[in-house]
């Protein structure tokens, strides 16, 4: 069994929970992934994707995220949230920073990602080369900042 974990939210983007956290700042969990974004940088998903085994939820506190969900564009603004049940294709197409948000996903047990990408020709793939490494935005790549937050 794990132990209780309590931290103040950092002043930068960070992985707060997941099966492979980059540091002990994050809560180690094989069932829950929480990505916290607090950034002036935007990002987009390279392709629509769905999660085969997990649901995903976006909670926006500041800024806006525009997602395309099965062909429809939706803006998630401050104090709004949205949920993507497993199997629903979605794509972040625009971010209006500064943005502060949480992305929560119940992680399927076991290694690897449950993402499946929708290719322009209508076929799908789990090929990781389409996976955008948004984790580069998380933790700011800055271990010193993490230490200062502890």
N, C-alpha and C. Protein backbone atom coordinates (compact mmCIF):
# COMPACT_ATOMS: atom_id res chain seq x y z
N UNK A 1 0.84 -1.17 0.00
CA UNK A 1 0.00 0.00 0.00
C UNK A 1 0.89 1.24 0.00
N UNK A 2 0.43 2.27 -0.72
CA UNK A 2 1.18 3.51 -0.78
C UNK A 2 0.99 4.34 0.46
N UNK A 3 1.62 5.51 0.47
CA UNK A 3 1.48 6.39 1.61
C UNK A 3 0.85 7.71 1.17
N UNK A 4 0.28 8.42 2.12
CA UNK A 4 -0.35 9.71 1.88
C UNK A 4 0.66 10.66 1.26
N UNK A 5 0.20 11.47 0.32
CA UNK A 5 1.09 12.38 -0.42
C UNK A 5 0.44 13.77 -0.44
N UNK A 6 1.17 14.80 -0.03
CA UNK A 6 0.64 16.16 0.02
C UNK A 6 1.70 17.14 -0.45
N UNK A 7 1.37 17.96 -1.42
CA UNK A 7 2.29 18.97 -1.94
C UNK A 7 1.49 20.20 -2.32
N UNK A 8 2.14 21.35 -2.31
CA UNK A 8 1.56 22.58 -2.84
C UNK A 8 1.72 22.54 -4.36
N UNK A 9 0.74 23.08 -5.10
CA UNK A 9 0.88 23.12 -6.56
C UNK A 9 2.07 23.99 -6.92
N UNK A 10 2.87 23.55 -7.88
CA UNK A 10 4.04 24.33 -8.28
C UNK A 10 3.66 25.53 -9.14
N UNK A 11 4.62 26.41 -9.36
CA UNK A 11 4.42 27.59 -10.20
C UNK A 11 4.79 27.29 -11.65
N UNK A 12 4.83 26.03 -12.00
CA UNK A 12 5.19 25.59 -13.34
C UNK A 12 4.42 24.31 -13.63
N UNK A 13 4.42 23.87 -14.87
CA UNK A 13 3.73 22.65 -15.25
C UNK A 13 4.45 21.43 -14.70
N UNK A 14 3.66 20.44 -14.26
CA UNK A 14 4.27 19.27 -13.64
C UNK A 14 3.35 18.06 -13.73
N UNK A 15 3.94 16.89 -13.78
CA UNK A 15 3.20 15.65 -13.64
C UNK A 15 2.98 15.45 -12.14
N UNK A 16 1.70 15.47 -11.72
CA UNK A 16 1.40 15.34 -10.29
C UNK A 16 1.20 13.90 -9.86
N UNK A 17 0.79 13.05 -10.80
CA UNK A 17 0.54 11.65 -10.47
C UNK A 17 0.67 10.82 -11.72
N UNK A 18 1.19 9.61 -11.57
CA UNK A 18 1.30 8.70 -12.70
C UNK A 18 2.15 7.49 -12.37
N UNK A 19 2.19 6.55 -13.30
CA UNK A 19 2.94 5.32 -13.05
C UNK A 19 4.45 5.49 -13.13
N UNK A 20 4.91 6.54 -13.81
CA UNK A 20 6.36 6.77 -13.95
C UNK A 20 6.69 8.24 -13.73
N UNK A 21 6.44 8.75 -12.52
CA UNK A 21 6.73 10.17 -12.29
C UNK A 21 8.23 10.44 -12.38
N UNK A 22 8.60 11.64 -12.87
CA UNK A 22 10.02 11.96 -13.04
C UNK A 22 10.76 12.24 -11.74
N UNK A 23 10.03 12.41 -10.64
CA UNK A 23 10.69 12.71 -9.37
C UNK A 23 9.75 12.34 -8.23
N UNK A 24 10.23 12.46 -7.01
CA UNK A 24 9.38 12.15 -5.86
C UNK A 24 8.41 13.29 -5.54
N UNK A 25 8.44 14.37 -6.34
CA UNK A 25 7.46 15.43 -6.18
C UNK A 25 6.06 14.89 -6.49
N UNK A 26 5.98 14.02 -7.50
CA UNK A 26 4.70 13.47 -7.95
C UNK A 26 4.30 12.26 -7.12
N UNK A 27 3.02 12.01 -7.11
CA UNK A 27 2.42 10.87 -6.44
C UNK A 27 2.51 9.66 -7.37
N UNK A 28 3.15 8.61 -6.94
CA UNK A 28 3.30 7.39 -7.73
C UNK A 28 1.99 6.63 -7.71
N UNK A 29 1.38 6.44 -8.90
CA UNK A 29 0.11 5.73 -9.00
C UNK A 29 0.05 4.98 -10.32
N UNK A 30 -0.32 3.72 -10.26
CA UNK A 30 -0.50 2.96 -11.49
C UNK A 30 -1.96 3.04 -11.97
N UNK A 31 -2.79 3.84 -11.31
CA UNK A 31 -4.20 3.93 -11.67
C UNK A 31 -4.67 5.34 -12.03
N UNK A 32 -3.85 6.34 -11.75
CA UNK A 32 -4.28 7.72 -11.96
C UNK A 32 -3.13 8.55 -12.50
N UNK A 33 -3.40 9.26 -13.60
CA UNK A 33 -2.41 10.19 -14.14
C UNK A 33 -3.00 11.59 -14.08
N UNK A 34 -2.26 12.51 -13.45
CA UNK A 34 -2.69 13.90 -13.36
C UNK A 34 -1.55 14.77 -13.89
N UNK A 35 -1.85 15.50 -14.94
CA UNK A 35 -0.90 16.46 -15.51
C UNK A 35 -1.40 17.86 -15.17
N UNK A 36 -0.55 18.67 -14.58
CA UNK A 36 -0.88 20.04 -14.21
C UNK A 36 -0.13 20.97 -15.14
N UNK A 37 -0.86 21.82 -15.84
CA UNK A 37 -0.24 22.79 -16.74
C UNK A 37 -0.43 24.18 -16.16
N UNK A 38 0.68 24.89 -16.01
CA UNK A 38 0.69 26.28 -15.58
C UNK A 38 1.77 26.92 -16.45
N UNK A 39 1.34 27.41 -17.61
CA UNK A 39 2.32 27.79 -18.62
C UNK A 39 1.84 28.94 -19.50
N UNK A 40 2.78 29.64 -20.08
CA UNK A 40 2.51 30.66 -21.08
C UNK A 40 2.72 30.09 -22.48
N UNK A 41 3.09 28.82 -22.53
CA UNK A 41 3.32 28.12 -23.80
C UNK A 41 2.06 27.35 -24.20
N UNK A 42 1.75 27.37 -25.49
CA UNK A 42 0.65 26.57 -25.99
C UNK A 42 1.15 25.23 -26.51
N UNK A 43 0.24 24.34 -26.81
CA UNK A 43 0.59 23.05 -27.40
C UNK A 43 -0.61 22.58 -28.21
N UNK A 44 -0.38 21.65 -29.11
CA UNK A 44 -1.45 21.01 -29.85
C UNK A 44 -1.12 19.53 -29.98
N UNK A 45 -2.15 18.74 -30.18
CA UNK A 45 -1.95 17.32 -30.45
C UNK A 45 -1.72 17.16 -31.95
N UNK A 46 -0.76 16.32 -32.36
CA UNK A 46 -0.48 16.17 -33.79
C UNK A 46 -1.62 15.49 -34.56
N UNK A 47 -2.37 14.63 -33.88
CA UNK A 47 -3.47 13.89 -34.51
C UNK A 47 -4.59 13.67 -33.49
N UNK A 48 -5.81 13.45 -33.96
CA UNK A 48 -6.84 13.02 -33.02
C UNK A 48 -6.44 11.68 -32.40
N UNK A 49 -6.82 11.49 -31.15
CA UNK A 49 -6.52 10.23 -30.48
C UNK A 49 -7.66 9.88 -29.53
N UNK A 50 -7.70 8.62 -29.18
CA UNK A 50 -8.65 8.13 -28.18
C UNK A 50 -7.86 7.28 -27.21
N UNK A 51 -8.43 7.05 -26.06
CA UNK A 51 -7.83 6.15 -25.08
C UNK A 51 -8.67 4.89 -25.07
N UNK A 52 -8.01 3.75 -25.26
CA UNK A 52 -8.72 2.49 -25.38
C UNK A 52 -9.24 1.96 -24.05
N UNK A 53 -8.55 2.30 -22.96
CA UNK A 53 -8.89 1.72 -21.66
C UNK A 53 -9.13 2.75 -20.57
N UNK A 54 -9.09 4.04 -20.89
CA UNK A 54 -9.22 5.03 -19.83
C UNK A 54 -10.07 6.21 -20.26
N UNK A 55 -10.68 6.86 -19.29
CA UNK A 55 -11.40 8.11 -19.50
C UNK A 55 -10.44 9.25 -19.20
N UNK A 56 -10.73 10.42 -19.78
CA UNK A 56 -9.87 11.58 -19.58
C UNK A 56 -10.74 12.80 -19.32
N UNK A 57 -10.25 13.70 -18.47
CA UNK A 57 -11.01 14.89 -18.10
C UNK A 57 -10.06 16.09 -18.09
N UNK A 58 -10.51 17.21 -18.67
CA UNK A 58 -9.76 18.46 -18.64
C UNK A 58 -10.50 19.41 -17.71
N UNK A 59 -9.78 20.04 -16.79
CA UNK A 59 -10.33 21.09 -15.93
C UNK A 59 -9.50 22.34 -16.17
N UNK A 60 -10.14 23.41 -16.65
CA UNK A 60 -9.42 24.64 -16.99
C UNK A 60 -9.72 25.69 -15.93
N UNK A 61 -8.66 26.26 -15.36
CA UNK A 61 -8.79 27.31 -14.35
C UNK A 61 -8.52 28.69 -14.95
N UNK A 62 -7.61 28.76 -15.92
CA UNK A 62 -7.23 30.03 -16.56
C UNK A 62 -6.89 29.74 -18.01
N UNK A 63 -7.16 30.70 -18.90
CA UNK A 63 -6.89 30.51 -20.31
C UNK A 63 -8.00 29.71 -20.96
N UNK A 64 -7.70 29.13 -22.11
CA UNK A 64 -8.70 28.33 -22.82
C UNK A 64 -8.00 27.26 -23.64
N UNK A 65 -8.67 26.13 -23.78
CA UNK A 65 -8.20 25.03 -24.61
C UNK A 65 -9.31 24.72 -25.60
N UNK A 66 -8.96 24.70 -26.89
CA UNK A 66 -9.94 24.34 -27.91
C UNK A 66 -9.64 22.91 -28.34
N UNK A 67 -10.65 22.07 -28.22
CA UNK A 67 -10.52 20.67 -28.61
C UNK A 67 -11.47 20.40 -29.77
N UNK A 68 -11.06 19.46 -30.59
CA UNK A 68 -11.95 18.96 -31.63
C UNK A 68 -12.36 17.57 -31.20
N UNK A 69 -13.67 17.37 -31.10
CA UNK A 69 -14.22 16.09 -30.64
C UNK A 69 -15.14 15.57 -31.74
N UNK A 70 -14.67 14.51 -32.39
CA UNK A 70 -15.44 13.88 -33.46
C UNK A 70 -15.97 14.92 -34.45
N UNK A 71 -15.06 15.83 -34.89
CA UNK A 71 -15.38 16.80 -35.93
C UNK A 71 -15.95 18.13 -35.44
N UNK A 72 -16.24 18.27 -34.15
CA UNK A 72 -16.80 19.50 -33.61
C UNK A 72 -15.77 20.19 -32.72
N UNK A 73 -15.59 21.50 -32.91
CA UNK A 73 -14.66 22.27 -32.06
C UNK A 73 -15.40 22.83 -30.86
N UNK A 74 -14.77 22.66 -29.70
CA UNK A 74 -15.36 23.11 -28.44
C UNK A 74 -14.29 23.86 -27.67
N UNK A 75 -14.65 25.03 -27.11
CA UNK A 75 -13.73 25.79 -26.28
C UNK A 75 -14.02 25.49 -24.82
N UNK A 76 -12.97 25.10 -24.09
CA UNK A 76 -13.09 24.89 -22.65
C UNK A 76 -12.39 26.08 -22.01
N UNK A 77 -13.17 26.93 -21.37
CA UNK A 77 -12.64 28.17 -20.81
C UNK A 77 -12.48 28.08 -19.30
N UNK A 78 -12.15 29.22 -18.68
CA UNK A 78 -11.94 29.26 -17.23
C UNK A 78 -13.14 28.72 -16.45
N UNK A 79 -12.86 27.90 -15.45
CA UNK A 79 -13.86 27.31 -14.57
C UNK A 79 -14.80 26.36 -15.31
N UNK A 80 -14.29 25.75 -16.40
CA UNK A 80 -15.05 24.74 -17.14
C UNK A 80 -14.26 23.46 -17.18
N UNK A 81 -14.98 22.36 -17.42
CA UNK A 81 -14.30 21.07 -17.59
C UNK A 81 -15.02 20.27 -18.66
N UNK A 82 -14.34 19.26 -19.17
CA UNK A 82 -14.96 18.36 -20.14
C UNK A 82 -14.42 16.95 -19.87
N UNK A 83 -15.17 15.98 -20.32
CA UNK A 83 -14.76 14.59 -20.14
C UNK A 83 -14.81 13.84 -21.46
N UNK A 84 -13.82 13.01 -21.68
CA UNK A 84 -13.74 12.17 -22.86
C UNK A 84 -13.82 10.71 -22.41
N UNK A 85 -14.96 10.05 -22.62
CA UNK A 85 -15.02 8.63 -22.29
C UNK A 85 -14.06 7.84 -23.18
N UNK A 86 -13.63 6.70 -22.71
CA UNK A 86 -12.72 5.88 -23.52
C UNK A 86 -13.35 5.62 -24.89
N UNK A 87 -12.47 5.64 -25.90
CA UNK A 87 -12.92 5.38 -27.26
C UNK A 87 -13.37 6.60 -28.04
N UNK A 88 -13.50 7.77 -27.40
CA UNK A 88 -13.92 8.99 -28.10
C UNK A 88 -12.68 9.72 -28.62
N UNK A 89 -12.61 9.90 -29.94
CA UNK A 89 -11.48 10.61 -30.53
C UNK A 89 -11.57 12.10 -30.22
N UNK A 90 -10.43 12.66 -29.82
CA UNK A 90 -10.35 14.08 -29.49
C UNK A 90 -8.95 14.59 -29.79
N UNK A 91 -8.83 15.91 -29.93
CA UNK A 91 -7.54 16.52 -30.27
C UNK A 91 -7.50 17.95 -29.75
N UNK A 92 -6.44 18.30 -29.04
CA UNK A 92 -6.21 19.70 -28.67
C UNK A 92 -5.73 20.39 -29.94
N UNK A 93 -6.51 21.38 -30.41
CA UNK A 93 -6.16 22.07 -31.65
C UNK A 93 -5.65 23.48 -31.43
N UNK A 94 -5.91 24.02 -30.23
CA UNK A 94 -5.45 25.38 -29.92
C UNK A 94 -5.44 25.56 -28.41
N UNK A 95 -4.48 26.34 -27.94
CA UNK A 95 -4.42 26.70 -26.51
C UNK A 95 -4.21 28.20 -26.45
N UNK A 96 -5.01 28.86 -25.60
CA UNK A 96 -4.89 30.31 -25.41
C UNK A 96 -4.28 30.57 -24.04
N UNK A 97 -2.95 30.72 -23.99
CA UNK A 97 -2.27 30.96 -22.72
C UNK A 97 -2.40 32.41 -22.27
N UNK A 98 -2.04 32.69 -21.04
CA UNK A 98 -1.53 31.72 -20.08
C UNK A 98 -2.64 30.75 -19.68
N UNK A 99 -2.24 29.51 -19.52
CA UNK A 99 -3.21 28.47 -19.19
C UNK A 99 -2.81 27.79 -17.89
N UNK A 100 -3.82 27.54 -17.07
CA UNK A 100 -3.65 26.72 -15.87
C UNK A 100 -4.77 25.69 -15.93
N UNK A 101 -4.40 24.43 -15.98
CA UNK A 101 -5.41 23.38 -16.09
C UNK A 101 -4.87 22.06 -15.54
N UNK A 102 -5.80 21.15 -15.31
CA UNK A 102 -5.48 19.78 -14.95
C UNK A 102 -6.00 18.86 -16.04
N UNK A 103 -5.23 17.85 -16.38
CA UNK A 103 -5.70 16.79 -17.25
C UNK A 103 -5.59 15.51 -16.43
N UNK A 104 -6.74 14.89 -16.20
CA UNK A 104 -6.80 13.68 -15.38
C UNK A 104 -7.21 12.50 -16.24
N UNK A 105 -6.56 11.37 -15.99
CA UNK A 105 -6.87 10.16 -16.74
C UNK A 105 -6.70 8.97 -15.81
N UNK A 106 -7.69 8.10 -15.79
CA UNK A 106 -7.50 6.87 -15.03
C UNK A 106 -6.64 5.95 -15.89
N UNK A 107 -5.48 5.62 -15.37
CA UNK A 107 -4.50 4.85 -16.13
C UNK A 107 -4.83 3.37 -16.09
N UNK A 108 -4.76 2.72 -17.25
CA UNK A 108 -4.94 1.27 -17.23
C UNK A 108 -3.72 0.61 -16.60
N UNK A 109 -3.91 -0.51 -15.92
CA UNK A 109 -2.76 -1.18 -15.33
C UNK A 109 -1.82 -1.71 -16.40
N UNK A 110 -0.56 -1.81 -16.06
CA UNK A 110 0.42 -2.36 -16.99
C UNK A 110 1.20 -1.28 -17.70
N UNK A 111 2.27 -1.66 -18.39
CA UNK A 111 3.14 -0.70 -19.07
C UNK A 111 2.52 -0.19 -20.37
N UNK A 112 3.02 0.95 -20.82
CA UNK A 112 2.64 1.47 -22.12
C UNK A 112 1.45 2.41 -22.08
N UNK A 113 1.13 2.92 -23.25
CA UNK A 113 0.05 3.88 -23.40
C UNK A 113 -1.16 3.19 -24.01
N UNK A 114 -2.34 3.67 -23.68
CA UNK A 114 -3.55 3.12 -24.28
C UNK A 114 -4.07 4.03 -25.39
N UNK A 115 -3.20 4.94 -25.89
CA UNK A 115 -3.60 5.87 -26.95
C UNK A 115 -3.65 5.16 -28.29
N UNK A 116 -4.69 5.51 -29.04
CA UNK A 116 -4.80 5.07 -30.42
C UNK A 116 -5.03 6.32 -31.25
N UNK A 117 -4.28 6.47 -32.34
CA UNK A 117 -4.31 7.67 -33.17
C UNK A 117 -5.14 7.43 -34.43
N UNK A 118 -5.92 8.44 -34.80
CA UNK A 118 -6.70 8.39 -36.03
C UNK A 118 -5.88 9.05 -37.13
N UNK A 119 -5.51 8.27 -38.13
CA UNK A 119 -4.69 8.78 -39.24
C UNK A 119 -5.58 9.47 -40.28
N UNK A 120 -5.00 10.38 -41.08
CA UNK A 120 -5.79 11.11 -42.09
C UNK A 120 -6.54 10.20 -43.07
N UNK A 121 -6.03 9.00 -43.32
CA UNK A 121 -6.71 8.08 -44.25
C UNK A 121 -7.86 7.30 -43.60
N UNK A 122 -8.14 7.60 -42.31
CA UNK A 122 -9.24 6.94 -41.62
C UNK A 122 -8.86 5.68 -40.86
N UNK A 123 -7.62 5.23 -41.05
CA UNK A 123 -7.17 4.07 -40.29
C UNK A 123 -6.64 4.54 -38.93
N UNK A 124 -6.37 3.61 -38.04
CA UNK A 124 -5.86 3.99 -36.73
C UNK A 124 -4.59 3.21 -36.43
N UNK A 125 -3.80 3.75 -35.49
CA UNK A 125 -2.54 3.13 -35.13
C UNK A 125 -2.20 3.44 -33.68
N UNK A 126 -1.41 2.60 -33.07
CA UNK A 126 -0.86 2.86 -31.74
C UNK A 126 0.62 3.23 -31.84
N UNK A 127 1.11 3.45 -33.06
CA UNK A 127 2.52 3.78 -33.30
C UNK A 127 2.93 4.99 -32.49
N UNK A 128 3.93 4.82 -31.62
CA UNK A 128 4.36 5.88 -30.70
C UNK A 128 5.01 7.08 -31.40
N UNK A 129 5.36 6.96 -32.67
CA UNK A 129 5.97 8.12 -33.33
C UNK A 129 5.00 9.27 -33.47
N UNK A 130 3.71 9.00 -33.33
CA UNK A 130 2.70 10.06 -33.38
C UNK A 130 2.45 10.67 -32.00
N UNK A 131 3.05 10.09 -30.99
CA UNK A 131 2.83 10.55 -29.62
C UNK A 131 3.59 11.84 -29.38
N UNK A 132 2.85 12.88 -29.02
CA UNK A 132 3.50 14.16 -28.70
C UNK A 132 3.99 14.08 -27.27
N UNK A 133 5.21 14.47 -27.05
CA UNK A 133 5.75 14.42 -25.71
C UNK A 133 5.41 15.70 -24.95
N UNK A 134 4.15 15.78 -24.47
CA UNK A 134 3.76 16.95 -23.69
C UNK A 134 4.46 16.94 -22.34
N UNK A 135 5.03 15.79 -21.98
CA UNK A 135 5.72 15.75 -20.70
C UNK A 135 6.96 16.62 -20.72
N UNK A 136 7.42 17.04 -21.92
CA UNK A 136 8.50 18.01 -22.01
C UNK A 136 8.08 19.35 -21.42
N UNK A 137 6.77 19.64 -21.49
CA UNK A 137 6.25 20.86 -20.87
C UNK A 137 6.11 20.71 -19.36
N UNK A 138 5.96 19.46 -18.92
CA UNK A 138 5.74 19.21 -17.50
C UNK A 138 7.05 19.22 -16.74
N UNK A 139 7.00 19.72 -15.53
CA UNK A 139 8.15 19.87 -14.65
C UNK A 139 9.18 20.84 -15.21
N UNK A 140 8.82 21.47 -16.30
CA UNK A 140 9.68 22.49 -16.89
C UNK A 140 11.09 22.01 -17.16
N UNK A 141 11.31 20.69 -17.07
CA UNK A 141 12.64 20.15 -17.23
C UNK A 141 13.60 20.70 -16.21
N UNK A 142 13.06 21.20 -15.12
CA UNK A 142 13.86 21.95 -14.17
C UNK A 142 13.82 21.31 -12.78
N UNK A 143 14.78 20.47 -12.48
CA UNK A 143 14.85 19.80 -11.18
C UNK A 143 15.07 20.80 -10.06
N UNK A 144 15.80 21.91 -10.34
CA UNK A 144 16.01 22.91 -9.32
C UNK A 144 14.68 23.56 -8.90
N UNK A 145 13.81 23.81 -9.90
CA UNK A 145 12.49 24.37 -9.58
C UNK A 145 11.70 23.40 -8.74
N UNK A 146 11.81 22.11 -9.05
CA UNK A 146 11.11 21.09 -8.25
C UNK A 146 11.63 21.11 -6.82
N UNK A 147 12.94 21.19 -6.65
CA UNK A 147 13.52 21.21 -5.31
C UNK A 147 13.05 22.42 -4.53
N UNK A 148 12.96 23.57 -5.21
CA UNK A 148 12.53 24.79 -4.53
C UNK A 148 11.07 24.71 -4.08
N UNK A 149 10.26 23.92 -4.81
CA UNK A 149 8.84 23.78 -4.46
C UNK A 149 8.62 22.84 -3.28
N UNK A 150 9.58 21.99 -2.97
CA UNK A 150 9.40 20.98 -1.91
C UNK A 150 9.40 21.58 -0.55
